[in-house]
């Protein structure tokens, strides 16, 4: 069934939709795909999420690395 949905979407993009509708929808789909992929990579490889500006004023000390400083 998923293959049929993909085929229907591809056929709609190729023939039925005008260009002024087709290209923004294609750009939106690509943007969502990249956003999802980057989120998956961030989760997979454990990169820390950036904290919001409100958290920076809390006065907590954050150690960036485990290296000794002399």
N, C-alpha and C. Protein backbone atom coordinates (compact mmCIF):
# COMPACT_ATOMS: atom_id res chain seq x y z
N UNK A 1 0.82 -1.19 0.00
CA UNK A 1 0.00 0.00 0.00
C UNK A 1 0.87 1.25 0.00
N UNK A 2 1.98 1.23 0.75
CA UNK A 2 2.84 2.42 0.79
C UNK A 2 3.44 2.69 -0.59
N UNK A 3 3.73 1.64 -1.35
CA UNK A 3 4.27 1.83 -2.70
C UNK A 3 3.24 2.53 -3.59
N UNK A 4 1.97 2.20 -3.43
CA UNK A 4 0.91 2.84 -4.20
C UNK A 4 0.79 4.32 -3.85
N UNK A 5 0.95 4.65 -2.59
CA UNK A 5 0.89 6.05 -2.16
C UNK A 5 2.05 6.83 -2.77
N UNK A 6 3.25 6.24 -2.74
CA UNK A 6 4.41 6.91 -3.34
C UNK A 6 4.19 7.11 -4.84
N UNK A 7 3.68 6.10 -5.52
CA UNK A 7 3.42 6.23 -6.96
C UNK A 7 2.40 7.31 -7.24
N UNK A 8 1.35 7.40 -6.42
CA UNK A 8 0.32 8.43 -6.62
C UNK A 8 0.90 9.83 -6.43
N UNK A 9 1.74 9.99 -5.43
CA UNK A 9 2.36 11.30 -5.18
C UNK A 9 3.28 11.68 -6.34
N UNK A 10 4.08 10.72 -6.80
CA UNK A 10 4.99 10.99 -7.92
C UNK A 10 4.20 11.36 -9.18
N UNK A 11 3.15 10.64 -9.45
CA UNK A 11 2.33 10.95 -10.63
C UNK A 11 1.67 12.32 -10.50
N UNK A 12 1.25 12.67 -9.29
CA UNK A 12 0.67 13.99 -9.07
C UNK A 12 1.68 15.09 -9.29
N UNK A 13 2.91 14.86 -8.86
CA UNK A 13 3.95 15.86 -9.05
C UNK A 13 4.36 15.97 -10.52
N UNK A 14 4.30 14.88 -11.24
CA UNK A 14 4.76 14.91 -12.63
C UNK A 14 3.74 15.55 -13.57
N UNK A 15 2.45 15.28 -13.36
CA UNK A 15 1.49 15.64 -14.39
C UNK A 15 0.39 16.60 -13.92
N UNK A 16 -0.15 16.39 -12.75
CA UNK A 16 -1.39 17.07 -12.40
C UNK A 16 -1.19 18.46 -11.78
N UNK A 17 -0.13 18.66 -11.04
CA UNK A 17 0.03 19.92 -10.33
C UNK A 17 0.77 20.95 -11.19
N UNK A 18 0.32 22.20 -11.13
CA UNK A 18 1.07 23.25 -11.84
C UNK A 18 2.41 23.51 -11.14
N UNK A 19 3.34 24.09 -11.87
CA UNK A 19 4.69 24.30 -11.34
C UNK A 19 4.69 25.18 -10.10
N UNK A 20 3.82 26.18 -10.04
CA UNK A 20 3.83 27.10 -8.90
C UNK A 20 3.36 26.42 -7.62
N UNK A 21 2.72 25.26 -7.72
CA UNK A 21 2.34 24.46 -6.55
C UNK A 21 3.37 23.36 -6.31
N UNK A 22 3.83 22.77 -7.40
CA UNK A 22 4.73 21.62 -7.31
C UNK A 22 6.04 21.96 -6.62
N UNK A 23 6.70 23.05 -7.02
CA UNK A 23 8.02 23.36 -6.49
C UNK A 23 8.02 23.76 -5.00
N UNK A 24 7.09 24.58 -4.53
CA UNK A 24 7.06 24.83 -3.08
C UNK A 24 6.78 23.57 -2.25
N UNK A 25 5.91 22.70 -2.75
CA UNK A 25 5.65 21.45 -2.03
C UNK A 25 6.88 20.55 -2.03
N UNK A 26 7.59 20.51 -3.13
CA UNK A 26 8.81 19.73 -3.20
C UNK A 26 9.87 20.30 -2.26
N UNK A 27 9.99 21.61 -2.20
CA UNK A 27 10.94 22.25 -1.28
C UNK A 27 10.56 21.98 0.18
N UNK A 28 9.28 22.03 0.49
CA UNK A 28 8.83 21.74 1.85
C UNK A 28 9.13 20.29 2.22
N UNK A 29 8.88 19.37 1.31
CA UNK A 29 9.17 17.97 1.57
C UNK A 29 10.65 17.72 1.79
N UNK A 30 11.49 18.35 0.97
CA UNK A 30 12.94 18.20 1.14
C UNK A 30 13.41 18.80 2.45
N UNK A 31 12.85 19.95 2.81
CA UNK A 31 13.21 20.59 4.08
C UNK A 31 12.84 19.71 5.26
N UNK A 32 11.66 19.13 5.23
CA UNK A 32 11.24 18.25 6.31
C UNK A 32 12.11 16.99 6.38
N UNK A 33 12.49 16.48 5.23
CA UNK A 33 13.35 15.30 5.18
C UNK A 33 14.73 15.61 5.77
N UNK A 34 15.30 16.74 5.43
CA UNK A 34 16.61 17.14 5.97
C UNK A 34 16.50 17.39 7.47
N UNK A 35 15.43 18.07 7.90
CA UNK A 35 15.24 18.34 9.33
C UNK A 35 15.14 17.04 10.13
N UNK A 36 14.38 16.10 9.62
CA UNK A 36 14.23 14.81 10.29
C UNK A 36 15.55 14.05 10.31
N UNK A 37 16.27 14.08 9.19
CA UNK A 37 17.56 13.40 9.12
C UNK A 37 18.58 13.99 10.07
N UNK A 38 18.65 15.30 10.16
CA UNK A 38 19.59 15.93 11.10
C UNK A 38 19.21 15.65 12.54
N UNK A 39 17.93 15.61 12.84
CA UNK A 39 17.49 15.26 14.19
C UNK A 39 17.87 13.83 14.54
N UNK A 40 17.72 12.94 13.58
CA UNK A 40 18.10 11.55 13.81
C UNK A 40 19.61 11.44 14.03
N UNK A 41 20.40 12.15 13.23
CA UNK A 41 21.85 12.12 13.41
C UNK A 41 22.26 12.68 14.77
N UNK A 42 21.61 13.76 15.19
CA UNK A 42 21.91 14.37 16.49
C UNK A 42 21.60 13.38 17.61
N UNK A 43 20.48 12.70 17.49
CA UNK A 43 20.10 11.71 18.51
C UNK A 43 21.03 10.49 18.46
N UNK A 44 21.38 10.06 17.27
CA UNK A 44 22.19 8.86 17.09
C UNK A 44 23.60 9.03 17.63
N UNK A 45 24.20 10.16 17.37
CA UNK A 45 25.58 10.36 17.76
C UNK A 45 25.73 11.16 19.05
N UNK A 46 24.64 11.51 19.70
CA UNK A 46 24.65 12.09 21.03
C UNK A 46 25.17 13.51 21.13
N UNK A 47 25.03 14.30 20.08
CA UNK A 47 25.44 15.70 20.17
C UNK A 47 24.47 16.41 21.10
N UNK A 48 24.99 17.20 22.02
CA UNK A 48 24.11 17.88 22.97
C UNK A 48 23.28 18.95 22.27
N UNK A 49 22.05 19.10 22.72
CA UNK A 49 21.20 20.15 22.19
C UNK A 49 21.62 21.48 22.80
N UNK A 50 21.50 22.55 22.02
CA UNK A 50 21.86 23.86 22.54
C UNK A 50 20.80 24.30 23.54
N UNK A 51 21.27 24.95 24.60
CA UNK A 51 20.33 25.43 25.60
C UNK A 51 19.83 26.81 25.20
N UNK A 52 18.65 27.15 25.66
CA UNK A 52 18.08 28.45 25.33
C UNK A 52 18.80 29.54 26.12
N UNK A 53 18.61 30.79 25.71
CA UNK A 53 19.28 31.92 26.34
C UNK A 53 18.89 32.09 27.80
N UNK A 54 17.70 31.65 28.19
CA UNK A 54 17.26 31.80 29.58
C UNK A 54 18.06 30.90 30.51
N UNK A 55 18.57 29.79 30.01
CA UNK A 55 19.33 28.87 30.85
C UNK A 55 20.74 29.36 31.14
N UNK A 56 21.27 30.24 30.30
CA UNK A 56 22.66 30.67 30.47
C UNK A 56 22.85 31.56 31.69
N UNK A 57 21.81 32.21 32.15
CA UNK A 57 21.95 33.11 33.28
C UNK A 57 21.75 32.43 34.63
N UNK A 58 21.70 31.12 34.68
CA UNK A 58 21.40 30.43 35.93
C UNK A 58 22.60 30.34 36.86
N UNK A 59 23.80 30.63 36.37
CA UNK A 59 24.98 30.62 37.22
C UNK A 59 25.61 29.25 37.40
N UNK A 60 25.15 28.25 36.69
CA UNK A 60 25.73 26.92 36.81
C UNK A 60 27.02 26.85 36.01
N UNK A 61 28.04 26.21 36.60
CA UNK A 61 29.29 26.02 35.88
C UNK A 61 29.17 24.79 34.99
N UNK A 62 29.57 24.94 33.73
CA UNK A 62 29.49 23.84 32.78
C UNK A 62 30.91 23.54 32.30
N UNK A 63 31.34 22.29 32.49
CA UNK A 63 32.66 21.90 32.04
C UNK A 63 32.52 21.32 30.64
N UNK A 64 33.24 21.91 29.68
CA UNK A 64 33.12 21.50 28.27
C UNK A 64 33.85 20.21 27.98
N UNK A 65 35.03 20.00 28.56
CA UNK A 65 35.80 18.80 28.23
C UNK A 65 36.40 18.20 29.49
N UNK A 66 36.91 17.00 29.36
CA UNK A 66 37.49 16.28 30.47
C UNK A 66 39.01 16.53 30.61
N UNK A 67 39.58 17.35 29.75
CA UNK A 67 41.03 17.59 29.77
C UNK A 67 41.44 18.39 31.00
N UNK A 68 42.60 18.05 31.57
CA UNK A 68 43.14 18.79 32.71
C UNK A 68 43.72 20.12 32.23
N UNK A 69 43.47 21.17 33.00
CA UNK A 69 43.99 22.49 32.67
C UNK A 69 45.11 22.79 33.65
N UNK A 70 46.29 23.15 33.14
CA UNK A 70 47.44 23.45 34.01
C UNK A 70 47.85 24.87 33.91
